[in-house]
N, C-alpha and C. Protein backbone atom coordinates (compact mmCIF):
# COMPACT_ATOMS: atom_id res chain seq x y z
N MET A 1 6.56 -11.59 3.84
CA MET A 1 5.39 -12.46 4.48
C MET A 1 4.31 -11.44 4.35
N CYS A 2 3.95 -9.66 3.78
CA CYS A 2 3.62 -8.95 3.88
C CYS A 2 2.16 -9.04 3.32
N LEU A 3 0.92 -9.27 3.86
CA LEU A 3 -0.20 -9.72 2.61
C LEU A 3 0.13 -9.23 1.48
N ILE A 4 0.13 -7.58 1.39
CA ILE A 4 0.04 -6.84 0.16
C ILE A 4 0.85 -7.28 -0.67
N CYS A 5 2.34 -7.10 -0.42
CA CYS A 5 3.53 -6.80 -0.90
C CYS A 5 4.38 -7.54 -0.83
N GLY A 6 4.34 -8.47 0.06
CA GLY A 6 5.19 -10.02 0.05
C GLY A 6 5.49 -10.88 -0.90
N LEU A 7 6.58 -10.75 -1.70
CA LEU A 7 6.19 -11.89 -2.45
C LEU A 7 6.04 -13.22 -3.10
N GLU A 8 6.43 -13.37 -1.06
CA GLU A 8 6.92 -15.05 -0.32
C GLU A 8 5.53 -15.42 0.00
N ASN A 9 4.40 -14.26 0.69
CA ASN A 9 3.42 -14.99 1.00
C ASN A 9 2.87 -15.46 -0.17
N PRO A 10 2.24 -16.85 -0.02
CA PRO A 10 1.37 -18.05 -0.85
C PRO A 10 0.00 -17.37 -0.79
N VAL A 11 -0.46 -16.64 0.36
CA VAL A 11 -2.29 -16.18 -0.06
C VAL A 11 -2.32 -14.85 -0.27
N GLY A 12 -0.91 -13.90 -0.30
CA GLY A 12 -1.14 -12.40 -0.62
C GLY A 12 -1.13 -11.76 -1.69
N LEU A 13 -1.11 -10.37 -2.05
CA LEU A 13 -1.79 -10.15 -3.39
C LEU A 13 -0.79 -10.03 -4.22
N HIS A 14 0.69 -9.81 -3.40
CA HIS A 14 2.11 -9.46 -4.67
C HIS A 14 2.21 -8.41 -5.07
N LEU A 15 1.73 -7.43 -4.46
CA LEU A 15 1.80 -6.34 -5.66
C LEU A 15 2.86 -6.04 -5.47
N HIS A 16 3.67 -5.09 -6.69
CA HIS A 16 5.10 -4.77 -7.49
C HIS A 16 4.65 -3.21 -7.31
N ILE A 17 5.40 -2.77 -5.89
CA ILE A 17 5.06 -1.55 -6.04
C ILE A 17 6.39 -0.40 -6.68
N TYR A 18 6.14 0.90 -7.23
CA TYR A 18 7.63 1.76 -7.52
C TYR A 18 7.38 3.42 -7.03
N GLU A 19 8.14 3.54 -6.54
CA GLU A 19 8.38 5.14 -5.82
C GLU A 19 8.48 5.62 -7.46
N THR A 20 8.09 6.28 -8.16
CA THR A 20 8.08 7.62 -9.47
C THR A 20 8.26 8.54 -9.20
N GLU A 21 8.26 8.89 -8.10
CA GLU A 21 8.55 10.56 -8.14
C GLU A 21 8.97 10.20 -6.29
N PRO A 22 9.37 10.77 -5.28
CA PRO A 22 9.77 11.29 -4.25
C PRO A 22 8.59 11.28 -3.86
N GLY A 23 7.94 10.15 -3.14
CA GLY A 23 6.59 10.67 -1.70
C GLY A 23 5.60 9.93 -2.91
N ILE A 24 5.75 9.94 -4.07
CA ILE A 24 4.85 8.96 -4.81
C ILE A 24 5.29 7.57 -5.60
N VAL A 25 4.53 6.33 -4.91
CA VAL A 25 4.45 5.17 -5.46
C VAL A 25 2.51 4.92 -5.73
N GLU A 26 3.02 3.82 -6.73
CA GLU A 26 2.35 3.26 -7.98
C GLU A 26 3.00 2.06 -7.59
N SER A 27 1.65 1.02 -8.08
CA SER A 27 0.97 -0.29 -8.19
C SER A 27 0.36 -0.36 -9.18
N THR A 28 0.03 -1.54 -9.55
CA THR A 28 -1.19 -2.28 -10.56
C THR A 28 -1.46 -3.45 -10.16
N TYR A 29 -2.69 -3.90 -10.43
CA TYR A 29 -3.49 -5.00 -9.56
C TYR A 29 -4.88 -5.38 -10.20
N THR A 30 -5.08 -6.71 -10.68
CA THR A 30 -6.15 -7.40 -10.94
C THR A 30 -6.05 -8.37 -10.01
N ALA A 31 -7.89 -8.10 -9.29
CA ALA A 31 -8.58 -8.67 -8.55
C ALA A 31 -8.28 -9.99 -8.83
N PRO A 32 -8.44 -11.29 -8.23
CA PRO A 32 -8.69 -12.75 -8.03
C PRO A 32 -10.29 -12.75 -7.88
N ASP A 33 -10.35 -14.30 -8.25
CA ASP A 33 -12.36 -14.11 -7.54
C ASP A 33 -12.15 -14.23 -6.41
N ASN A 34 -11.12 -15.11 -5.30
CA ASN A 34 -11.33 -15.09 -3.97
C ASN A 34 -10.57 -14.60 -3.17
N PHE A 35 -10.76 -12.53 -3.69
CA PHE A 35 -10.78 -11.69 -3.09
C PHE A 35 -12.00 -11.07 -2.99
N GLN A 36 -13.16 -11.54 -3.37
CA GLN A 36 -14.45 -11.02 -3.59
C GLN A 36 -15.18 -11.16 -2.41
N GLY A 37 -15.35 -10.09 -2.04
CA GLY A 37 -16.92 -9.38 -1.41
C GLY A 37 -18.40 -10.25 -1.61
N TYR A 38 -19.37 -9.08 -2.49
CA TYR A 38 -20.13 -9.57 -3.24
C TYR A 38 -19.69 -10.07 -4.26
N PRO A 39 -20.21 -11.29 -5.32
CA PRO A 39 -19.79 -11.90 -6.31
C PRO A 39 -19.40 -10.12 -7.76
N GLY A 40 -17.88 -10.92 -7.89
CA GLY A 40 -17.24 -9.38 -9.03
C GLY A 40 -16.32 -7.98 -8.48
N VAL A 41 -17.22 -7.89 -7.57
CA VAL A 41 -16.47 -7.11 -6.01
C VAL A 41 -15.41 -6.96 -5.45
N LEU A 42 -14.67 -6.82 -5.21
CA LEU A 42 -13.36 -6.82 -4.75
C LEU A 42 -14.01 -6.80 -3.02
N HIS A 43 -13.70 -7.43 -2.15
CA HIS A 43 -14.03 -7.19 -0.37
C HIS A 43 -13.68 -5.92 -0.39
N GLY A 44 -14.37 -4.80 0.49
CA GLY A 44 -13.91 -3.41 0.99
C GLY A 44 -12.91 -3.66 2.12
N GLY A 45 -12.43 -5.17 2.67
CA GLY A 45 -11.91 -4.42 3.54
C GLY A 45 -10.13 -5.04 2.92
N ILE A 46 -9.71 -5.71 1.51
CA ILE A 46 -9.20 -5.77 0.89
C ILE A 46 -8.31 -4.54 0.13
N VAL A 47 -9.64 -3.82 -0.42
CA VAL A 47 -9.16 -2.51 -0.57
C VAL A 47 -8.97 -1.69 0.57
N ALA A 48 -9.01 -1.70 1.36
CA ALA A 48 -8.77 -0.62 2.40
C ALA A 48 -7.47 -1.11 2.67
N ALA A 49 -7.42 -2.73 2.76
CA ALA A 49 -5.61 -3.15 3.10
C ALA A 49 -4.98 -2.59 1.85
N ILE A 50 -5.25 -2.49 0.42
CA ILE A 50 -4.61 -1.95 -0.54
C ILE A 50 -3.94 -0.44 -0.06
N ILE A 51 -4.92 0.73 0.06
CA ILE A 51 -4.92 1.93 0.65
C ILE A 51 -4.16 2.22 1.87
N ASP A 52 -3.52 1.49 2.67
CA ASP A 52 -3.25 1.26 3.97
C ASP A 52 -2.10 1.11 3.14
N GLU A 53 -1.66 -0.31 2.97
CA GLU A 53 -0.20 -0.28 1.93
C GLU A 53 0.57 0.36 1.58
N LEU A 54 -0.46 1.05 0.09
CA LEU A 54 0.57 2.33 -0.74
C LEU A 54 0.35 3.61 0.04
N SER A 55 -0.02 4.01 0.98
CA SER A 55 0.11 5.03 1.28
C SER A 55 0.95 5.34 2.22
N GLY A 56 0.64 4.42 3.33
CA GLY A 56 2.18 3.93 4.32
C GLY A 56 3.45 3.77 3.19
N ARG A 57 3.38 2.96 2.41
CA ARG A 57 4.95 2.99 1.33
C ARG A 57 5.52 4.35 0.57
N ALA A 58 4.50 5.38 0.32
CA ALA A 58 4.77 6.58 -0.04
C ALA A 58 5.70 7.96 1.12
N HIS A 59 5.61 7.06 1.81
CA HIS A 59 6.70 7.55 3.30
C HIS A 59 7.76 6.99 3.46
N MET A 60 8.43 6.03 3.03
CA MET A 60 9.51 5.10 3.40
C MET A 60 10.62 5.26 2.57
N GLY A 61 10.55 6.04 1.28
CA GLY A 61 11.55 7.22 0.94
C GLY A 61 12.60 6.28 -0.47
N SER A 62 13.08 6.80 -0.59
CA SER A 62 13.97 6.22 -2.13
C SER A 62 15.13 5.68 -1.61
N ASP A 63 16.21 6.12 -0.38
CA ASP A 63 16.99 5.61 0.54
C ASP A 63 16.69 3.68 0.97
N PRO A 64 16.70 2.71 -0.35
CA PRO A 64 16.24 0.94 0.31
C PRO A 64 17.11 0.52 1.41
N LEU A 65 18.26 1.67 2.15
CA LEU A 65 18.75 0.63 2.74
C LEU A 65 18.48 1.48 4.48
N ASN A 66 18.05 2.59 4.55
CA ASN A 66 17.34 3.56 5.60
C ASN A 66 15.93 3.74 5.20
N PRO A 67 14.61 3.10 5.25
CA PRO A 67 12.95 2.82 5.03
C PRO A 67 12.62 3.67 6.19
N ARG A 68 11.66 4.22 5.90
CA ARG A 68 10.89 4.53 7.23
C ARG A 68 9.96 4.02 6.71
N PHE A 69 9.47 3.07 8.31
CA PHE A 69 8.54 2.28 8.55
C PHE A 69 7.85 2.68 9.56
N MET A 70 6.48 2.47 9.16
CA MET A 70 5.10 3.23 10.25
C MET A 70 4.47 2.29 10.42
N PHE A 71 3.81 2.41 11.39
CA PHE A 71 2.26 1.68 11.26
C PHE A 71 1.08 2.51 11.62
N THR A 72 0.15 3.00 11.02
CA THR A 72 -1.18 3.35 11.04
C THR A 72 -2.26 3.11 12.45
N ALA A 73 -1.87 4.67 12.41
CA ALA A 73 -2.84 4.82 13.72
C ALA A 73 -4.36 5.46 13.34
N LYS A 74 -4.18 5.60 12.19
CA LYS A 74 -5.83 5.90 11.48
C LYS A 74 -6.23 5.79 9.89
N LEU A 75 -6.92 5.05 9.42
CA LEU A 75 -7.44 5.12 8.05
C LEU A 75 -8.53 5.27 8.11
N GLU A 76 -8.82 6.52 7.45
CA GLU A 76 -10.23 7.11 6.72
C GLU A 76 -10.21 6.29 5.46
N VAL A 77 -11.33 5.19 5.04
CA VAL A 77 -11.58 4.91 2.84
C VAL A 77 -12.54 5.41 3.35
N LYS A 78 -13.14 6.12 1.59
CA LYS A 78 -14.46 6.69 0.87
C LYS A 78 -13.90 5.70 -0.12
N TYR A 79 -15.32 5.16 -0.29
CA TYR A 79 -15.40 3.48 -1.51
C TYR A 79 -16.50 4.50 -2.35
N ARG A 80 -15.53 4.63 -3.10
CA ARG A 80 -17.12 5.80 -4.28
C ARG A 80 -17.62 4.69 -5.04
N LYS A 81 -17.02 3.64 -5.85
CA LYS A 81 -17.80 2.66 -6.68
C LYS A 81 -17.32 1.54 -5.95
N ASN A 82 -18.11 0.34 -6.64
CA ASN A 82 -17.65 -1.26 -6.61
C ASN A 82 -16.13 -1.10 -7.38
N ILE A 83 -15.11 -2.14 -7.05
CA ILE A 83 -14.16 -1.91 -7.35
C ILE A 83 -14.28 -3.71 -7.88
N PRO A 84 -14.17 -3.83 -9.43
CA PRO A 84 -14.37 -5.24 -9.63
C PRO A 84 -13.10 -5.69 -9.77
N ILE A 85 -14.05 -7.27 -9.64
CA ILE A 85 -12.75 -8.55 -9.86
C ILE A 85 -12.31 -8.66 -11.03
N GLY A 86 -11.28 -8.99 -11.05
CA GLY A 86 -10.61 -9.21 -12.85
C GLY A 86 -10.13 -8.06 -13.59
N ARG A 87 -10.50 -6.85 -13.16
CA ARG A 87 -10.08 -5.56 -13.92
C ARG A 87 -8.79 -5.17 -13.56
N PRO A 88 -7.83 -4.86 -14.72
CA PRO A 88 -6.77 -3.45 -13.89
C PRO A 88 -7.05 -2.39 -13.13
N LEU A 89 -6.36 -2.73 -12.45
CA LEU A 89 -6.21 -1.24 -11.58
C LEU A 89 -5.55 -0.65 -11.01
N LYS A 90 -5.27 0.68 -11.10
CA LYS A 90 -3.80 1.30 -10.94
C LYS A 90 -4.24 1.94 -9.52
N ILE A 91 -3.29 1.60 -9.09
CA ILE A 91 -2.73 2.17 -7.68
C ILE A 91 -2.24 3.46 -6.81
N ILE A 92 -2.23 4.44 -6.96
CA ILE A 92 -1.77 5.37 -6.47
C ILE A 92 -1.55 6.06 -5.08
N GLY A 93 0.14 5.60 -4.13
CA GLY A 93 0.65 6.46 -2.74
C GLY A 93 0.62 7.85 -2.97
N ARG A 94 0.73 9.06 -2.20
CA ARG A 94 1.31 9.83 -2.11
C ARG A 94 1.34 10.53 -0.76
N ALA A 95 2.96 10.85 -0.44
CA ALA A 95 3.23 11.49 1.54
C ALA A 95 2.79 12.30 1.64
N GLY A 96 2.03 13.10 2.45
CA GLY A 96 1.50 13.83 2.88
C GLY A 96 2.48 14.92 3.74
N LYS A 97 2.05 15.51 4.87
CA LYS A 97 2.71 16.26 6.21
C LYS A 97 3.56 15.14 6.86
N THR A 98 4.28 15.58 7.17
CA THR A 98 5.38 14.48 7.36
C THR A 98 5.97 15.64 8.86
N LYS A 99 6.41 14.86 10.26
CA LYS A 99 6.93 15.20 11.09
C LYS A 99 7.97 14.50 11.51
N SER A 100 8.96 14.60 13.31
CA SER A 100 9.18 13.70 13.25
C SER A 100 8.88 12.22 13.62
N ARG A 101 7.63 12.23 14.26
CA ARG A 101 7.16 10.79 15.01
C ARG A 101 5.80 10.40 13.70
N SER A 102 5.52 11.12 13.29
CA SER A 102 4.49 11.11 12.79
C SER A 102 4.24 11.53 10.95
N ALA A 103 3.13 10.74 10.06
CA ALA A 103 2.84 11.07 8.95
C ALA A 103 1.71 11.47 8.52
N GLU A 104 1.46 12.15 7.38
CA GLU A 104 -0.20 11.69 7.13
C GLU A 104 0.12 11.32 5.50
N ALA A 105 -0.86 11.41 4.91
CA ALA A 105 -0.31 10.40 3.56
C ALA A 105 -2.08 9.99 3.16
N TRP A 106 -1.94 10.01 1.33
CA TRP A 106 -3.25 9.47 0.54
C TRP A 106 -2.72 8.10 -0.59
N ALA A 107 -4.33 7.49 -0.79
CA ALA A 107 -3.89 6.61 -1.75
C ALA A 107 -4.95 6.59 -2.26
N GLY A 108 -5.11 5.90 -3.49
CA GLY A 108 -6.28 6.11 -4.32
C GLY A 108 -6.39 5.04 -5.36
N ILE A 109 -7.41 4.25 -5.36
CA ILE A 109 -7.44 2.81 -6.57
C ILE A 109 -8.15 3.35 -7.66
N TYR A 110 -7.86 3.41 -8.64
CA TYR A 110 -8.33 3.90 -9.89
C TYR A 110 -8.52 2.76 -10.83
N ASP A 111 -9.71 2.92 -11.45
CA ASP A 111 -9.82 1.41 -12.61
C ASP A 111 -8.75 2.05 -14.05
N ALA A 112 -7.74 1.10 -14.00
CA ALA A 112 -6.36 1.79 -14.94
C ALA A 112 -7.39 1.96 -16.73
N GLU A 113 -8.20 0.80 -16.89
CA GLU A 113 -8.61 1.89 -18.58
C GLU A 113 -9.05 2.90 -18.69
N THR A 114 -10.27 3.61 -17.32
CA THR A 114 -10.68 4.46 -17.25
C THR A 114 -10.14 5.70 -16.77
N ASP A 115 -9.38 5.27 -15.89
CA ASP A 115 -8.76 5.95 -15.08
C ASP A 115 -10.25 6.56 -13.78
N GLU A 116 -10.68 6.89 -13.94
CA GLU A 116 -11.82 6.58 -12.51
C GLU A 116 -11.70 6.29 -11.67
N LEU A 117 -11.77 7.14 -10.12
CA LEU A 117 -11.25 6.66 -8.80
C LEU A 117 -12.30 6.29 -8.46
N LEU A 118 -12.01 5.05 -7.79
CA LEU A 118 -13.45 4.03 -7.49
C LEU A 118 -13.17 4.08 -6.11
N ALA A 119 -11.45 4.42 -5.33
CA ALA A 119 -11.99 4.32 -3.72
C ALA A 119 -10.53 5.16 -3.59
N GLU A 120 -10.07 6.00 -2.52
CA GLU A 120 -9.59 6.04 -1.58
C GLU A 120 -9.32 6.63 0.14
N GLY A 121 -8.14 6.74 0.70
CA GLY A 121 -7.81 6.72 1.67
C GLY A 121 -6.92 7.84 1.99
N SER A 122 -7.21 7.92 3.14
CA SER A 122 -6.57 9.40 4.15
C SER A 122 -5.54 8.35 5.61
N THR A 123 -4.82 8.48 5.13
CA THR A 123 -3.58 7.69 7.01
C THR A 123 -2.95 8.83 7.33
N LEU A 124 -3.48 8.48 8.82
CA LEU A 124 -2.04 8.71 10.11
C LEU A 124 -1.51 7.94 10.00
N LEU A 125 -0.25 8.10 10.27
CA LEU A 125 1.02 7.02 10.19
C LEU A 125 1.88 7.66 11.23
N ILE A 126 2.21 6.56 12.19
CA ILE A 126 3.12 7.22 13.35
C ILE A 126 4.59 6.03 13.60
N ASN A 127 5.93 6.27 13.21
CA ASN A 127 7.02 5.96 13.53
C ASN A 127 6.67 4.25 14.34
N VAL A 128 7.30 3.66 13.93
CA VAL A 128 7.55 2.72 14.44
C VAL A 128 8.81 2.67 15.29
N PRO A 129 8.16 1.99 17.10
CA PRO A 129 9.17 2.47 17.68
C PRO A 129 10.49 1.97 17.82
N GLU A 130 11.73 2.59 18.19
CA GLU A 130 13.18 1.95 17.74
C GLU A 130 13.45 0.32 18.52
N GLU A 131 12.92 0.30 19.55
CA GLU A 131 12.61 -0.82 20.15
C GLU A 131 11.75 -1.79 19.57
N GLN A 132 11.26 -1.94 18.90
CA GLN A 132 10.11 -2.94 18.46
C GLN A 132 10.82 -3.04 16.97
N PHE A 133 11.72 -2.10 16.11
CA PHE A 133 12.80 -2.90 14.86
C PHE A 133 13.60 -2.18 14.75
N ASP A 134 14.88 -3.60 14.86
CA ASP A 134 15.63 -2.92 14.65
C ASP A 134 16.28 -3.31 13.19
N ALA A 135 16.41 -2.00 12.52
CA ALA A 135 16.89 -1.60 11.26
C ALA A 135 17.74 -2.11 10.32
N SER A 136 18.63 -2.58 11.80
CA SER A 136 20.32 -3.03 11.14
C SER A 136 19.78 -4.26 10.48
N ARG A 137 18.35 -5.43 10.91
CA ARG A 137 18.41 -6.40 10.59
C ARG A 137 17.53 -6.27 9.22
N LEU A 138 17.44 -5.48 8.25
CA LEU A 138 16.48 -5.98 7.06
C LEU A 138 16.51 -6.67 6.18
N SER A 139 17.31 -7.53 6.36
CA SER A 139 17.65 -8.53 5.29
C SER A 139 17.01 -10.10 5.70
N GLU A 140 17.61 -9.74 7.30
CA GLU A 140 16.90 -10.78 8.37
C GLU A 140 15.44 -10.59 8.84
N LEU A 141 14.60 -9.66 8.53
CA LEU A 141 13.48 -9.49 8.55
C LEU A 141 12.42 -9.97 7.46
N GLY A 142 13.27 -9.99 6.21
CA GLY A 142 12.82 -10.31 4.83
C GLY A 142 12.13 -8.96 4.38
N TRP A 143 13.02 -7.85 4.35
CA TRP A 143 13.58 -6.84 3.73
C TRP A 143 14.28 -6.70 3.07
N LYS A 144 13.41 -6.97 1.00
CA LYS A 144 14.31 -7.33 0.21
C LYS A 144 14.02 -5.84 -1.02
N ILE A 145 14.80 -5.68 -1.88
CA ILE A 145 14.24 -4.51 -3.11
C ILE A 145 14.62 -5.42 -3.84
N TYR A 146 13.66 -5.89 -5.17
CA TYR A 146 13.32 -6.83 -5.85
C TYR A 146 14.04 -6.20 -7.47
N PRO A 147 15.13 -6.44 -8.31
CA PRO A 147 15.04 -6.01 -9.02
C PRO A 147 14.18 -6.07 -10.38
N GLU A 148 13.70 -5.20 -11.05
CA GLU A 148 12.97 -5.70 -11.87
C GLU A 148 13.53 -6.52 -13.34
């Protein structure tokens, strides 16, 4: 039911996120009209949510049975240009420095046709405390890997 990646969320963005190499994830997205702020422009809060998701997912690792679940402690977004509604976007997340309980990451949203960077953000991530999240219940909690 994740707002960004949850494929079963009826009002979500339904992003398909792929690990293209260790520590790098990618997705594509074309925003519909109902996520606009100003006419024709993707709402800044949705932009931040996408950056938050892709940067965090970059640290989840390639082991689907033992993903690293983290929450965002700090998010800094740089809005370089308005992000258009109805135009294909390419989104990239990159893992940064990592420690035992925290990590840094970056994500960027690009115009898929021109490869121009439209927005980017840096995150500080903290591991979800073990007492708040039972990794043995991933399937029950809705964590799934969908085959393409």
